[in-house]
């Protein structure tokens, strides 16, 4: 009987110890909870500080939210183009490119003194010589070499066309100052004119306007 009472007392003592240990654990838990809350609340601040320290050596990337549109390049002025060609050695296109010095004798009429384009009225050259159209500009080729004269003639015609001048007079000379007294430019000027698409007709000038040393030229309007 006594043995039973002793065993029961031991169980009660053990139970009491377990309860006290549980209470102590609960009390410790309660005391530790505020600290954990404080630490949890401080964690974001620690993370921010760590992030800032890590980013101190970083270089920000510059970004732009707009599309940059560059204006189209404007054509260079004639002066700028001339300087560029001079610097690069580039040669400008010649107005007389493709114009030969002969080979069109079969297109001429009146013993080589006149020319009428195929689609022009057959009497255009005759009317031109009779003064039906008045010359609005004149070009004198005296003193020019063949290459210079060819370029001068074609450029002159282009300029007149640009200014709306249809009828012109070109003085090529009678050859009195040339070697052998033969006109150097006479036949060549006729050949150049016959190859110029805008020329409708030409005719030897009247004696009053230069005779065999000049041509009257009519261009399309």
C-alpha atoms as a PDB file:
ATOM      1  CA  UNK A   1       0.000   0.000   0.000  1.00  0.00           C
ATOM      2  CA  UNK A   2       2.810   2.308   0.921  1.00  0.00           C
ATOM      3  CA  UNK A   3       4.517   1.454  -2.257  1.00  0.00           C
ATOM      4  CA  UNK A   4       1.508   2.591  -4.179  1.00  0.00           C
ATOM      5  CA  UNK A   5       1.392   5.875  -2.305  1.00  0.00           C
ATOM      6  CA  UNK A   6       5.064   6.465  -3.037  1.00  0.00           C
ATOM      7  CA  UNK A   7       4.628   5.859  -6.723  1.00  0.00           C
ATOM      8  CA  UNK A   8       1.634   8.181  -6.874  1.00  0.00           C
ATOM      9  CA  UNK A   9       3.598  10.954  -5.137  1.00  0.00           C
ATOM     10  CA  UNK A  10       6.405  10.582  -7.615  1.00  0.00           C
ATOM     11  CA  UNK A  11       3.966  10.922 -10.538  1.00  0.00           C
ATOM     12  CA  UNK A  12       2.460  14.052  -9.021  1.00  0.00           C
ATOM     13  CA  UNK A  13       5.916  15.532  -8.541  1.00  0.00           C
ATOM     14  CA  UNK A  14       6.825  14.714 -12.143  1.00  0.00           C
ATOM     15  CA  UNK A  15       3.615  16.223 -13.421  1.00  0.00           C
ATOM     16  CA  UNK A  16       4.263  19.345 -11.435  1.00  0.00           C
ATOM     17  CA  UNK A  17       7.742  19.641 -12.822  1.00  0.00           C
ATOM     18  CA  UNK A  18       6.419  19.255 -16.409  1.00  0.00           C
ATOM     19  CA  UNK A  19       3.825  21.964 -15.834  1.00  0.00           C
ATOM     20  CA  UNK A  20       6.420  24.315 -14.374  1.00  0.00           C
ATOM     21  CA  UNK A  21       8.724  23.629 -17.315  1.00  0.00           C
ATOM     22  CA  UNK A  22       5.873  24.321 -19.717  1.00  0.00           C
ATOM     23  CA  UNK A  23       5.007  27.566 -17.964  1.00  0.00           C
ATOM     24  CA  UNK A  24       8.654  28.601 -18.045  1.00  0.00           C
ATOM     25  CA  UNK A  25       8.792  27.875 -21.734  1.00  0.00           C
ATOM     26  CA  UNK A  26       5.635  29.884 -22.353  1.00  0.00           C
ATOM     27  CA  UNK A  27       6.992  32.763 -20.295  1.00  0.00           C
ATOM     28  CA  UNK A  28      10.258  32.690 -22.233  1.00  0.00           C
ATOM     29  CA  UNK A  29       8.273  32.609 -25.488  1.00  0.00           C
ATOM     30  CA  UNK A  30       6.220  35.612 -24.443  1.00  0.00           C
ATOM     31  CA  UNK A  31       9.343  37.558 -23.480  1.00  0.00           C
ATOM     32  CA  UNK A  32      11.098  36.693 -26.769  1.00  0.00           C
ATOM     33  CA  UNK A  33       8.123  37.598 -29.017  1.00  0.00           C
ATOM     34  CA  UNK A  34       8.537  41.418 -28.856  1.00  0.00           C
ATOM     35  CA  UNK A  35      12.212  41.075 -29.698  1.00  0.00           C
ATOM     36  CA  UNK A  36      11.383  38.984 -32.753  1.00  0.00           C
ATOM     37  CA  UNK A  37       8.793  41.550 -33.822  1.00  0.00           C
ATOM     38  CA  UNK A  38      11.386  44.319 -33.452  1.00  0.00           C
ATOM     39  CA  UNK A  39      13.909  42.340 -35.451  1.00  0.00           C
ATOM     40  CA  UNK A  40      11.322  41.552 -38.150  1.00  0.00           C
ATOM     41  CA  UNK A  41      10.422  45.229 -38.432  1.00  0.00           C
ATOM     42  CA  UNK A  42      14.097  46.186 -38.743  1.00  0.00           C
ATOM     43  CA  UNK A  43      14.757  43.622 -41.487  1.00  0.00           C
ATOM     44  CA  UNK A  44      13.405  45.769 -44.376  1.00  0.00           C
ATOM     45  CA  UNK A  45      15.584  48.674 -43.244  1.00  0.00           C
ATOM     46  CA  UNK A  46      18.634  46.416 -43.186  1.00  0.00           C
ATOM     47  CA  UNK A  47      17.762  45.165 -46.685  1.00  0.00           C
ATOM     48  CA  UNK A  48      17.461  48.743 -47.963  1.00  0.00           C
ATOM     49  CA  UNK A  49      20.814  49.686 -46.425  1.00  0.00           C
ATOM     50  CA  UNK A  50      22.458  46.644 -47.983  1.00  0.00           C
ATOM     51  CA  UNK A  51      20.928  47.459 -51.375  1.00  0.00           C
ATOM     52  CA  UNK A  52      22.162  51.060 -51.200  1.00  0.00           C
ATOM     53  CA  UNK A  53      25.682  49.933 -50.322  1.00  0.00           C
ATOM     54  CA  UNK A  54      25.679  47.466 -53.217  1.00  0.00           C
ATOM     55  CA  UNK A  55      24.539  50.159 -55.657  1.00  0.00           C
ATOM     56  CA  UNK A  56      27.141  52.742 -54.672  1.00  0.00           C
ATOM     57  CA  UNK A  57      29.554  51.527 -57.363  1.00  0.00           C
ATOM     58  CA  UNK A  58      26.885  51.193 -60.044  1.00  0.00           C
ATOM     59  CA  UNK A  59      26.677  53.676 -62.961  1.00  0.00           C
ATOM     60  CA  UNK A  60      23.164  54.760 -63.921  1.00  0.00           C
ATOM     61  CA  UNK A  61      22.120  54.127 -67.537  1.00  0.00           C
ATOM     62  CA  UNK A  62      20.836  57.212 -69.321  1.00  0.00           C
ATOM     63  CA  UNK A  63      17.564  56.498 -71.076  1.00  0.00           C
ATOM     64  CA  UNK A  64      15.463  58.670 -73.375  1.00  0.00           C
ATOM     65  CA  UNK A  65      11.773  58.167 -73.965  1.00  0.00           C
ATOM     66  CA  UNK A  66      11.691  60.017 -77.294  1.00  0.00           C
ATOM     67  CA  UNK A  67      12.797  59.053 -80.781  1.00  0.00           C
ATOM     68  CA  UNK A  68      15.440  61.394 -82.118  1.00  0.00           C
ATOM     69  CA  UNK A  69      14.720  62.442 -85.703  1.00  0.00           C
ATOM     70  CA  UNK A  70      17.566  64.024 -87.601  1.00  0.00           C
ATOM     71  CA  UNK A  71      16.593  66.518 -90.288  1.00  0.00           C
ATOM     72  CA  UNK A  72      17.285  65.501 -93.876  1.00  0.00           C
ATOM     73  CA  UNK A  73      20.524  66.871 -95.252  1.00  0.00           C
ATOM     74  CA  UNK A  74      20.008  69.873 -97.469  1.00  0.00           C
ATOM     75  CA  UNK A  75      21.612  69.961-100.912  1.00  0.00           C
ATOM     76  CA  UNK A  76      24.978  71.664-100.911  1.00  0.00           C
ATOM     77  CA  UNK A  77      25.095  75.180-102.321  1.00  0.00           C
ATOM     78  CA  UNK A  78      26.969  75.671-105.609  1.00  0.00           C
ATOM     79  CA  UNK A  79      29.883  77.227-103.733  1.00  0.00           C
ATOM     80  CA  UNK A  80      30.088  74.297-101.301  1.00  0.00           C
ATOM     81  CA  UNK A  81      29.774  71.799-104.156  1.00  0.00           C
ATOM     82  CA  UNK A  82      32.558  73.559-106.047  1.00  0.00           C
ATOM     83  CA  UNK A  83      34.851  73.441-102.989  1.00  0.00           C
ATOM     84  CA  UNK A  84      34.079  69.767-102.471  1.00  0.00           C
ATOM     85  CA  UNK A  85      34.846  68.939-106.110  1.00  0.00           C
ATOM     86  CA  UNK A  86      38.083  70.895-105.867  1.00  0.00           C
ATOM     87  CA  UNK A  87      39.121  69.065-102.700  1.00  0.00           C
ATOM     88  CA  UNK A  88      38.269  65.594-104.019  1.00  0.00           C
ATOM     89  CA  UNK A  89      39.364  66.150-107.596  1.00  0.00           C
ATOM     90  CA  UNK A  90      35.857  65.375-108.801  1.00  0.00           C
ATOM     91  CA  UNK A  91      35.010  66.797-112.211  1.00  0.00           C
ATOM     92  CA  UNK A  92      31.569  68.324-112.829  1.00  0.00           C
ATOM     93  CA  UNK A  93      29.477  66.978-115.689  1.00  0.00           C
ATOM     94  CA  UNK A  94      30.009  68.944-118.907  1.00  0.00           C
ATOM     95  CA  UNK A  95      27.069  70.401-120.776  1.00  0.00           C
ATOM     96  CA  UNK A  96      28.561  69.225-124.089  1.00  0.00           C
ATOM     97  CA  UNK A  97      29.026  65.602-123.003  1.00  0.00           C
ATOM     98  CA  UNK A  98      28.161  63.276-125.893  1.00  0.00           C
ATOM     99  CA  UNK A  99      28.341  66.023-128.564  1.00  0.00           C
ATOM    100  CA  UNK A 100      30.772  65.117-131.355  1.00  0.00           C
ATOM    101  CA  UNK A 101      32.589  67.440-133.762  1.00  0.00           C
ATOM    102  CA  UNK A 102      31.230  65.981-136.983  1.00  0.00           C
ATOM    103  CA  UNK A 103      29.368  63.186-138.703  1.00  0.00           C
ATOM    104  CA  UNK A 104      26.087  65.040-139.280  1.00  0.00           C
ATOM    105  CA  UNK A 105      26.700  66.510-142.752  1.00  0.00           C
ATOM    106  CA  UNK A 106      23.851  64.400-144.134  1.00  0.00           C
ATOM    107  CA  UNK A 107      21.404  66.289-141.897  1.00  0.00           C
ATOM    108  CA  UNK A 108      22.286  69.695-143.335  1.00  0.00           C
ATOM    109  CA  UNK A 109      20.708  71.442-146.292  1.00  0.00           C
ATOM    110  CA  UNK A 110      21.434  74.462-148.488  1.00  0.00           C
ATOM    111  CA  UNK A 111      25.055  73.332-149.025  1.00  0.00           C
ATOM    112  CA  UNK A 112      25.567  72.842-145.309  1.00  0.00           C
ATOM    113  CA  UNK A 113      24.314  76.307-144.358  1.00  0.00           C
ATOM    114  CA  UNK A 114      20.959  75.265-142.921  1.00  0.00           C
ATOM    115  CA  UNK A 115      19.335  72.588-140.824  1.00  0.00           C
ATOM    116  CA  UNK A 116      15.698  71.710-140.044  1.00  0.00           C
ATOM    117  CA  UNK A 117      14.738  69.064-137.510  1.00  0.00           C
ATOM    118  CA  UNK A 118      12.685  66.221-138.961  1.00  0.00           C
ATOM    119  CA  UNK A 119       9.534  67.099-137.037  1.00  0.00           C
ATOM    120  CA  UNK A 120       9.734  70.868-137.778  1.00  0.00           C
ATOM    121  CA  UNK A 121       8.135  72.687-140.697  1.00  0.00           C
ATOM    122  CA  UNK A 122      10.365  72.423-143.823  1.00  0.00           C
ATOM    123  CA  UNK A 123      10.410  76.191-144.316  1.00  0.00           C
ATOM    124  CA  UNK A 124      11.564  76.928-140.746  1.00  0.00           C
ATOM    125  CA  UNK A 125      15.167  77.675-141.759  1.00  0.00           C
ATOM    126  CA  UNK A 126      14.069  79.968-144.591  1.00  0.00           C
ATOM    127  CA  UNK A 127      11.708  81.903-142.334  1.00  0.00           C
ATOM    128  CA  UNK A 128      14.458  82.111-139.713  1.00  0.00           C
ATOM    129  CA  UNK A 129      16.842  83.762-142.196  1.00  0.00           C
ATOM    130  CA  UNK A 130      14.098  86.128-143.307  1.00  0.00           C
ATOM    131  CA  UNK A 131      13.818  87.464-139.778  1.00  0.00           C
ATOM    132  CA  UNK A 132      10.566  85.779-138.796  1.00  0.00           C
ATOM    133  CA  UNK A 133      12.081  85.359-135.318  1.00  0.00           C
ATOM    134  CA  UNK A 134      14.254  87.981-133.693  1.00  0.00           C
ATOM    135  CA  UNK A 135      17.469  86.918-131.968  1.00  0.00           C
ATOM    136  CA  UNK A 136      17.247  87.476-128.225  1.00  0.00           C
ATOM    137  CA  UNK A 137      20.876  86.628-127.385  1.00  0.00           C
ATOM    138  CA  UNK A 138      24.268  86.342-129.099  1.00  0.00           C
ATOM    139  CA  UNK A 139      27.412  84.286-128.552  1.00  0.00           C
ATOM    140  CA  UNK A 140      30.772  85.239-130.100  1.00  0.00           C
ATOM    141  CA  UNK A 141      33.288  82.392-130.360  1.00  0.00           C
ATOM    142  CA  UNK A 142      36.264  84.392-131.604  1.00  0.00           C
ATOM    143  CA  UNK A 143      39.487  83.425-129.819  1.00  0.00           C
ATOM    144  CA  UNK A 144      38.199  80.101-128.429  1.00  0.00           C
ATOM    145  CA  UNK A 145      39.724  76.710-129.102  1.00  0.00           C
ATOM    146  CA  UNK A 146      37.475  73.918-130.377  1.00  0.00           C
ATOM    147  CA  UNK A 147      36.861  72.317-126.978  1.00  0.00           C
ATOM    148  CA  UNK A 148      36.172  75.680-125.361  1.00  0.00           C
ATOM    149  CA  UNK A 149      33.847  76.705-128.172  1.00  0.00           C
ATOM    150  CA  UNK A 150      31.868  73.442-128.017  1.00  0.00           C
ATOM    151  CA  UNK A 151      31.283  73.798-124.298  1.00  0.00           C
ATOM    152  CA  UNK A 152      30.420  77.492-124.713  1.00  0.00           C
ATOM    153  CA  UNK A 153      27.846  76.795-127.453  1.00  0.00           C
ATOM    154  CA  UNK A 154      25.967  74.053-125.585  1.00  0.00           C
ATOM    155  CA  UNK A 155      26.047  75.950-122.290  1.00  0.00           C
ATOM    156  CA  UNK A 156      24.840  79.092-124.043  1.00  0.00           C
ATOM    157  CA  UNK A 157      21.886  77.245-125.573  1.00  0.00           C
ATOM    158  CA  UNK A 158      20.959  75.676-122.225  1.00  0.00           C
ATOM    159  CA  UNK A 159      21.058  79.055-120.508  1.00  0.00           C
ATOM    160  CA  UNK A 160      18.907  80.637-123.196  1.00  0.00           C
ATOM    161  CA  UNK A 161      16.374  77.816-122.914  1.00  0.00           C
ATOM    162  CA  UNK A 162      16.245  78.381-119.173  1.00  0.00           C
ATOM    163  CA  UNK A 163      15.558  82.077-119.755  1.00  0.00           C
ATOM    164  CA  UNK A 164      12.865  81.394-122.371  1.00  0.00           C
ATOM    165  CA  UNK A 165      14.946  82.746-125.294  1.00  0.00           C
ATOM    166  CA  UNK A 166      14.124  80.738-128.445  1.00  0.00           C
ATOM    167  CA  UNK A 167      16.091  82.530-131.181  1.00  0.00           C
ATOM    168  CA  UNK A 168      19.831  83.284-130.847  1.00  0.00           C
ATOM    169  CA  UNK A 169      22.791  84.261-132.997  1.00  0.00           C
ATOM    170  CA  UNK A 170      26.116  82.447-132.824  1.00  0.00           C
ATOM    171  CA  UNK A 171      29.176  84.087-134.370  1.00  0.00           C
ATOM    172  CA  UNK A 172      31.837  81.515-135.277  1.00  0.00           C
ATOM    173  CA  UNK A 173      33.842  83.732-137.665  1.00  0.00           C
ATOM    174  CA  UNK A 174      34.859  83.446-141.319  1.00  0.00           C
ATOM    175  CA  UNK A 175      38.364  82.176-140.654  1.00  0.00           C
ATOM    176  CA  UNK A 176      40.268  85.273-141.723  1.00  0.00           C
ATOM    177  CA  UNK A 177      42.483  85.027-138.639  1.00  0.00           C
ATOM    178  CA  UNK A 178      43.102  81.278-138.789  1.00  0.00           C
ATOM    179  CA  UNK A 179      45.921  79.398-140.449  1.00  0.00           C
ATOM    180  CA  UNK A 180      45.265  79.060-144.181  1.00  0.00           C
ATOM    181  CA  UNK A 181      42.352  81.438-143.699  1.00  0.00           C
ATOM    182  CA  UNK A 182      40.013  78.478-143.269  1.00  0.00           C
ATOM    183  CA  UNK A 183      37.246  78.771-140.660  1.00  0.00           C
ATOM    184  CA  UNK A 184      38.027  76.236-137.913  1.00  0.00           C
ATOM    185  CA  UNK A 185      34.690  76.411-136.105  1.00  0.00           C
ATOM    186  CA  UNK A 186      32.284  76.877-139.007  1.00  0.00           C
ATOM    187  CA  UNK A 187      31.518  73.201-139.739  1.00  0.00           C
ATOM    188  CA  UNK A 188      31.926  72.116-136.124  1.00  0.00           C
ATOM    189  CA  UNK A 189      29.343  74.590-134.832  1.00  0.00           C
ATOM    190  CA  UNK A 190      26.848  73.285-137.402  1.00  0.00           C
ATOM    191  CA  UNK A 191      27.565  69.717-136.273  1.00  0.00           C
ATOM    192  CA  UNK A 192      27.076  70.615-132.602  1.00  0.00           C
ATOM    193  CA  UNK A 193      23.795  72.358-133.255  1.00  0.00           C
ATOM    194  CA  UNK A 194      22.402  69.456-135.299  1.00  0.00           C
ATOM    195  CA  UNK A 195      23.012  67.136-132.328  1.00  0.00           C
ATOM    196  CA  UNK A 196      21.278  69.383-129.798  1.00  0.00           C
ATOM    197  CA  UNK A 197      17.795  67.945-129.306  1.00  0.00           C
ATOM    198  CA  UNK A 198      16.208  71.330-128.558  1.00  0.00           C
ATOM    199  CA  UNK A 199      17.376  72.941-131.816  1.00  0.00           C
ATOM    200  CA  UNK A 200      14.543  73.107-134.356  1.00  0.00           C
ATOM    201  CA  UNK A 201      16.494  74.779-137.133  1.00  0.00           C
ATOM    202  CA  UNK A 202      19.431  77.028-137.963  1.00  0.00           C
ATOM    203  CA  UNK A 203      20.424  79.078-140.961  1.00  0.00           C
ATOM    204  CA  UNK A 204      23.369  81.102-142.130  1.00  0.00           C
ATOM    205  CA  UNK A 205      22.806  84.706-141.122  1.00  0.00           C
ATOM    206  CA  UNK A 206      22.091  87.530-143.525  1.00  0.00           C
ATOM    207  CA  UNK A 207      25.042  89.710-144.557  1.00  0.00           C
ATOM    208  CA  UNK A 208      23.802  92.380-142.187  1.00  0.00           C
ATOM    209  CA  UNK A 209      23.954  89.914-139.248  1.00  0.00           C
ATOM    210  CA  UNK A 210      27.292  88.323-140.069  1.00  0.00           C
ATOM    211  CA  UNK A 211      26.701  86.354-143.257  1.00  0.00           C
ATOM    212  CA  UNK A 212      28.739  83.113-143.499  1.00  0.00           C
ATOM    213  CA  UNK A 213      30.476  83.918-140.232  1.00  0.00           C
ATOM    214  CA  UNK A 214      27.326  83.523-138.102  1.00  0.00           C
ATOM    215  CA  UNK A 215      24.261  81.343-137.645  1.00  0.00           C
ATOM    216  CA  UNK A 216      20.726  82.118-136.571  1.00  0.00           C
ATOM    217  CA  UNK A 217      19.389  79.341-134.368  1.00  0.00           C
ATOM    218  CA  UNK A 218      15.780  78.559-133.409  1.00  0.00           C
ATOM    219  CA  UNK A 219      14.993  76.340-130.434  1.00  0.00           C
ATOM    220  CA  UNK A 220      11.738  74.786-129.346  1.00  0.00           C
ATOM    221  CA  UNK A 221       9.597  76.673-126.880  1.00  0.00           C
END
